[in-house]
Amino acid sequence: MEAKIDKRAYLKKLSAQLRRKEAEIDNLQARVDAAKDDIRQDLLREYSELRMKRETVRSKMVQLQESGDEIWDDVRDGLEKSWQDLRETFSTVYSKIG
């Protein structure tokens, strides 16, 4: 039973973090759109990748929510990796816009 409580608390915390990151991603869109022509296409490609990674995190969160206790650790590990990928891609795009 404790795993369910931990899972709920974990998902609640991650959901709040994802909402904040989504706001940052949305704000980044305007900066990508305003970028100079010579880098805009590259940024648009990377921004698209960022949005796909955001969807992967959302999908894995649903998978974790629906998973049984017996696979909790495996699903959480995959979610953690996806979350890290999302943050790294965001940082890459953000640093290029500067």
C-alpha atoms as a PDB file:
ATOM      1  CA  MET A   1       0.000   0.000   0.000  1.00  0.00           C
ATOM      2  CA  GLU A   2       2.870   2.388   0.692  1.00  0.00           C
ATOM      3  CA  ALA A   3       3.956   2.293  -2.972  1.00  0.00           C
ATOM      4  CA  LYS A   4       0.584   3.741  -4.002  1.00  0.00           C
ATOM      5  CA  ILE A   5       0.993   6.631  -1.579  1.00  0.00           C
ATOM      6  CA  ASP A   6       4.522   7.205  -2.815  1.00  0.00           C
ATOM      7  CA  LYS A   7       3.344   6.975  -6.410  1.00  0.00           C
ATOM      8  CA  ARG A   8       0.599   9.535  -5.864  1.00  0.00           C
ATOM      9  CA  ALA A   9       2.951  11.934  -4.095  1.00  0.00           C
ATOM     10  CA  TYR A  10       5.564  11.477  -6.815  1.00  0.00           C
ATOM     11  CA  LEU A  11       3.044  12.096  -9.596  1.00  0.00           C
ATOM     12  CA  LYS A  12       1.641  15.154  -7.835  1.00  0.00           C
ATOM     13  CA  LYS A  13       5.133  16.633  -7.473  1.00  0.00           C
ATOM     14  CA  LEU A  14       6.078  15.833 -11.058  1.00  0.00           C
ATOM     15  CA  SER A  15       2.784  17.216 -12.379  1.00  0.00           C
ATOM     16  CA  ALA A  16       3.508  20.549 -10.703  1.00  0.00           C
ATOM     17  CA  GLN A  17       7.026  20.581 -12.148  1.00  0.00           C
ATOM     18  CA  LEU A  18       5.692  19.732 -15.595  1.00  0.00           C
ATOM     19  CA  ARG A  19       3.134  22.552 -15.460  1.00  0.00           C
ATOM     20  CA  ARG A  20       5.943  25.012 -14.700  1.00  0.00           C
ATOM     21  CA  LYS A  21       8.110  23.590 -17.478  1.00  0.00           C
ATOM     22  CA  GLU A  22       5.184  23.748 -19.924  1.00  0.00           C
ATOM     23  CA  ALA A  23       4.764  27.451 -19.157  1.00  0.00           C
ATOM     24  CA  GLU A  24       8.460  27.952 -19.854  1.00  0.00           C
ATOM     25  CA  ILE A  25       8.129  25.991 -23.107  1.00  0.00           C
ATOM     26  CA  ASP A  26       5.145  28.093 -24.172  1.00  0.00           C
ATOM     27  CA  ASN A  27       7.075  31.296 -23.422  1.00  0.00           C
ATOM     28  CA  LEU A  28       9.993  29.979 -25.433  1.00  0.00           C
ATOM     29  CA  GLN A  29       7.794  29.700 -28.533  1.00  0.00           C
ATOM     30  CA  ALA A  30       7.619  33.472 -28.942  1.00  0.00           C
ATOM     31  CA  ARG A  31      11.384  33.747 -28.651  1.00  0.00           C
ATOM     32  CA  VAL A  32      11.865  31.010 -31.261  1.00  0.00           C
ATOM     33  CA  ASP A  33       9.444  32.777 -33.602  1.00  0.00           C
ATOM     34  CA  ALA A  34      11.339  36.058 -33.160  1.00  0.00           C
ATOM     35  CA  ALA A  35      14.778  34.517 -33.746  1.00  0.00           C
ATOM     36  CA  LYS A  36      16.908  35.671 -36.630  1.00  0.00           C
ATOM     37  CA  ASP A  37      16.262  33.941 -39.935  1.00  0.00           C
ATOM     38  CA  ASP A  38      19.655  32.239 -40.002  1.00  0.00           C
ATOM     39  CA  ILE A  39      18.926  30.215 -36.849  1.00  0.00           C
ATOM     40  CA  ARG A  40      15.113  30.122 -36.818  1.00  0.00           C
ATOM     41  CA  GLN A  41      14.761  26.886 -38.814  1.00  0.00           C
ATOM     42  CA  ASP A  42      17.187  25.059 -36.558  1.00  0.00           C
ATOM     43  CA  LEU A  43      15.400  26.390 -33.482  1.00  0.00           C
ATOM     44  CA  LEU A  44      12.008  25.403 -34.861  1.00  0.00           C
ATOM     45  CA  ARG A  45      13.251  21.852 -35.389  1.00  0.00           C
ATOM     46  CA  GLU A  46      14.625  21.684 -31.865  1.00  0.00           C
ATOM     47  CA  TYR A  47      11.483  23.289 -30.435  1.00  0.00           C
ATOM     48  CA  SER A  48       9.424  20.618 -32.188  1.00  0.00           C
ATOM     49  CA  GLU A  49      11.635  17.968 -30.589  1.00  0.00           C
ATOM     50  CA  LEU A  50      11.104  19.655 -27.228  1.00  0.00           C
ATOM     51  CA  ARG A  51       7.342  19.455 -27.645  1.00  0.00           C
ATOM     52  CA  MET A  52       7.573  15.755 -28.572  1.00  0.00           C
ATOM     53  CA  LYS A  53       9.608  15.094 -25.440  1.00  0.00           C
ATOM     54  CA  ARG A  54       6.988  16.917 -23.390  1.00  0.00           C
ATOM     55  CA  GLU A  55       4.361  14.556 -24.819  1.00  0.00           C
ATOM     56  CA  THR A  56       6.566  11.580 -23.963  1.00  0.00           C
ATOM     57  CA  VAL A  57       6.745  12.743 -20.348  1.00  0.00           C
ATOM     58  CA  ARG A  58       2.970  13.160 -20.240  1.00  0.00           C
ATOM     59  CA  SER A  59       2.480   9.686 -21.699  1.00  0.00           C
ATOM     60  CA  LYS A  60       4.865   8.098 -19.222  1.00  0.00           C
ATOM     61  CA  MET A  61       3.106   9.866 -16.358  1.00  0.00           C
ATOM     62  CA  VAL A  62      -0.167   8.267 -17.453  1.00  0.00           C
ATOM     63  CA  GLN A  63       1.587   4.923 -17.769  1.00  0.00           C
ATOM     64  CA  LEU A  64       2.961   5.302 -14.244  1.00  0.00           C
ATOM     65  CA  GLN A  65      -0.424   6.279 -12.875  1.00  0.00           C
ATOM     66  CA  GLU A  66      -1.985   3.184 -14.412  1.00  0.00           C
ATOM     67  CA  SER A  67       0.874   0.824 -13.541  1.00  0.00           C
ATOM     68  CA  GLY A  68       0.728  -1.738 -10.817  1.00  0.00           C
ATOM     69  CA  ASP A  69       3.025  -1.692  -7.839  1.00  0.00           C
ATOM     70  CA  GLU A  70       5.061  -4.560  -9.249  1.00  0.00           C
ATOM     71  CA  ILE A  71       6.425  -2.461 -12.137  1.00  0.00           C
ATOM     72  CA  TRP A  72       6.469   0.919 -10.350  1.00  0.00           C
ATOM     73  CA  ASP A  73      10.272   1.189 -10.261  1.00  0.00           C
ATOM     74  CA  ASP A  74      10.737   0.311 -13.939  1.00  0.00           C
ATOM     75  CA  VAL A  75       8.098   2.747 -15.128  1.00  0.00           C
ATOM     76  CA  ARG A  76       9.384   5.492 -12.819  1.00  0.00           C
ATOM     77  CA  ASP A  77      12.931   5.014 -14.125  1.00  0.00           C
ATOM     78  CA  GLY A  78      11.710   5.492 -17.705  1.00  0.00           C
ATOM     79  CA  LEU A  79       9.789   8.583 -16.674  1.00  0.00           C
ATOM     80  CA  GLU A  80      12.839  10.014 -14.924  1.00  0.00           C
ATOM     81  CA  LYS A  81      14.918   9.525 -18.077  1.00  0.00           C
ATOM     82  CA  SER A  82      12.258  11.192 -20.231  1.00  0.00           C
ATOM     83  CA  TRP A  83      12.001  14.090 -17.775  1.00  0.00           C
ATOM     84  CA  GLN A  84      15.786  14.555 -17.887  1.00  0.00           C
ATOM     85  CA  ASP A  85      15.715  14.501 -21.715  1.00  0.00           C
ATOM     86  CA  LEU A  86      13.019  17.186 -21.688  1.00  0.00           C
ATOM     87  CA  ARG A  87      14.992  19.433 -19.349  1.00  0.00           C
ATOM     88  CA  GLU A  88      18.204  19.017 -21.347  1.00  0.00           C
ATOM     89  CA  THR A  89      16.491  19.789 -24.647  1.00  0.00           C
ATOM     90  CA  PHE A  90      14.834  22.846 -23.114  1.00  0.00           C
ATOM     91  CA  SER A  91      18.220  24.061 -21.865  1.00  0.00           C
ATOM     92  CA  THR A  92      19.750  23.545 -25.310  1.00  0.00           C
ATOM     93  CA  VAL A  93      17.039  25.518 -27.099  1.00  0.00           C
ATOM     94  CA  TYR A  94      17.019  28.227 -24.426  1.00  0.00           C
ATOM     95  CA  SER A  95      20.794  28.651 -24.583  1.00  0.00           C
ATOM     96  CA  LYS A  96      20.703  29.117 -28.350  1.00  0.00           C
ATOM     97  CA  ILE A  97      18.139  31.888 -28.067  1.00  0.00           C
ATOM     98  CA  GLY A  98      19.970  33.467 -25.137  1.00  0.00           C
END
